Amino acid sequence: MFKVLIAEDEPPIMRMIKSTLESVDSDFKVTECCINGKNAVEKLKNEDFDIVITDIKMPIMTGIELAGWIYQNKPDTKVIIVSGYSDFEYARKALEYKVFDYLLKPISKDKVSELTQRIKSEIADKNKMFDENNTIVILACAGAYLLYGSEVLLPGERFWTDSGIDAFMDNLLTTSEEYIFFNSNMLSERLMVITAETEERQEELIHKIYDEFSTKNLPMTIVYQKGVLFKDTGKYFSKLREQLIKHLILNKSQLLCCNSLSDSYEDISQPYSKADVDSIVFAIKNRNNDELKNKLTAVMNNMMSSDCTQEEINGFLNIILDTYTLNYPNHMKRKNTSVKKEFVNALASFVSYDAFIADIISILATLRNDKRDPDRYEQLANEVEEYLINNYNKNITSDVLSKEFGFVPSYISRLFKRQKGVSPNEYVTKYRIEKAKKLIEENNDLRIKDIADAVGFKESYYFSKTFKRETGMWPTEYSARDK
């Protein structure tokens, strides 16, 4: 039996869909009916369904938003969109969420019968696939990775909104091959699951994906596991990220197969000495920024030529910090935890070694002397704020702000947060959402995608999630609140 959930805000149409479906094929059983997308999401969070049939236009949460939620959270659930002739073109846009099919009103039994047969055929094929080692699990990272929540505007985040990955994959795969694409919580990263019948074809696909995305504006690190049972794919996500963290090299694209990677840390390099650390710490203590730059640049150049990983560089910076704190506790003007977070942010926003070294020098210089210049801080923070307001609908990254104002990203972020109470990333996000609220209030007929584009979000679903996080409501809920 196939479990079906129907989301439809008009009870007569809901009853008609239920009776038509169950009369056409007794293997399909409607076990839940919801009057809007929000109610459907609550059901889906607690129960699995094989199929969701949803009207495209509903209050509180539309069928498009529901399809987007299912695409992100329940990718194995098949979504059928119900649409009237007037919004047929709008329904077609839902196909970007891998909607299985659409039903045009009025709904005919012949169409429903054809649909149920297609669903049965595809699920049968998937069940066969479920028990075969024909799946590749992929983690792709654009630029540097992020260890935890960041206050910087990540270069890799915008990469994925501009990459055209869906169109590329549609052209790459045959009709018998499938992929599922997940947005990771880490905005520079994407998870993919791809099915292909032979190991040779799996290798061919992964190399074509790597060739396509490693030639763009950011280095690309792809870590993958081949020959996986489809039902076991979820077990590999954490393993892939562990390998990404262990092996990612700044400013270098890599294709890494977990089937052949070592799990040990025996091969970790250390192209620096205790004397290197001590000389850098001594330069910080003496406020000798020229010496600090020379010593740090020499070690970083050595680490770069030795292909040191992002993790190794972060470890080296933490050794400098811990050594300084241990040797000169009375000269330490900042908390270790806040400095280490700035190291993480500087690494996550990496675009070049020169800019990164300047950023780190700026951070290390504050250990000895973090005195404030209130007038200059306020002036620069106001200039950054004005830039964010005037350019909120454009692509703003930490590197963009650095080039615009002539300071390293960590300095801008630290200074801005002191004056405004939030980071530039948090500020521009809140500003974009306020602009979106005004657009919704002024024109209830605007599509979510159009609102997202207007305020600087390339992905409508990511916009909806951000709107929900900032306001407590989905955009459609906000639109319907006074109706």
Foldseek 3Di string as FASTA:
>chain_A
DFEEEEAAQDVVLVVVVQVLLCVLPVVYHHPYYHPALVVVVVVVVPDDGQEYEYEQDGFQHGPLLSLQVCLAPVVNHAYEYEYEPVCVVVVVVSCVSVHPYYAYPPGDSVVSNVVVVVSVVVVVLVVVLLPWLFKKKKKKFFFFWFPDDALFFFPLLVCVLPQCVVVVVVVVDDPSKDKRKHCDPTRRMIIMMIGDDDPVVVVVVLVVVLVSSCPDQTHMEMEMEGRHRPVCNVVCPVVRVVVCQLQAFGPHHYYHYPVPDDPDPPPADDQDDPVLLVQLLVCLQVLPLVSNLVSVVVSVVSCNVVRHHLNVVLVSLLVSVVVNCVVCVVQFPDDSVVLSSQSSNLSSRDDDPVLSSQSSSVSSNVRRPVDDDVVVLVVLLVVLLVVLLVQQLHRDGLVNVCVVPVHRSSVQQVSNCVNPVGGSVVVSLVVLLVQLLVVLVVDVPDDLCVSCNRRHHSDSNVNQVSNCVVPVGGSSNSSPVVD
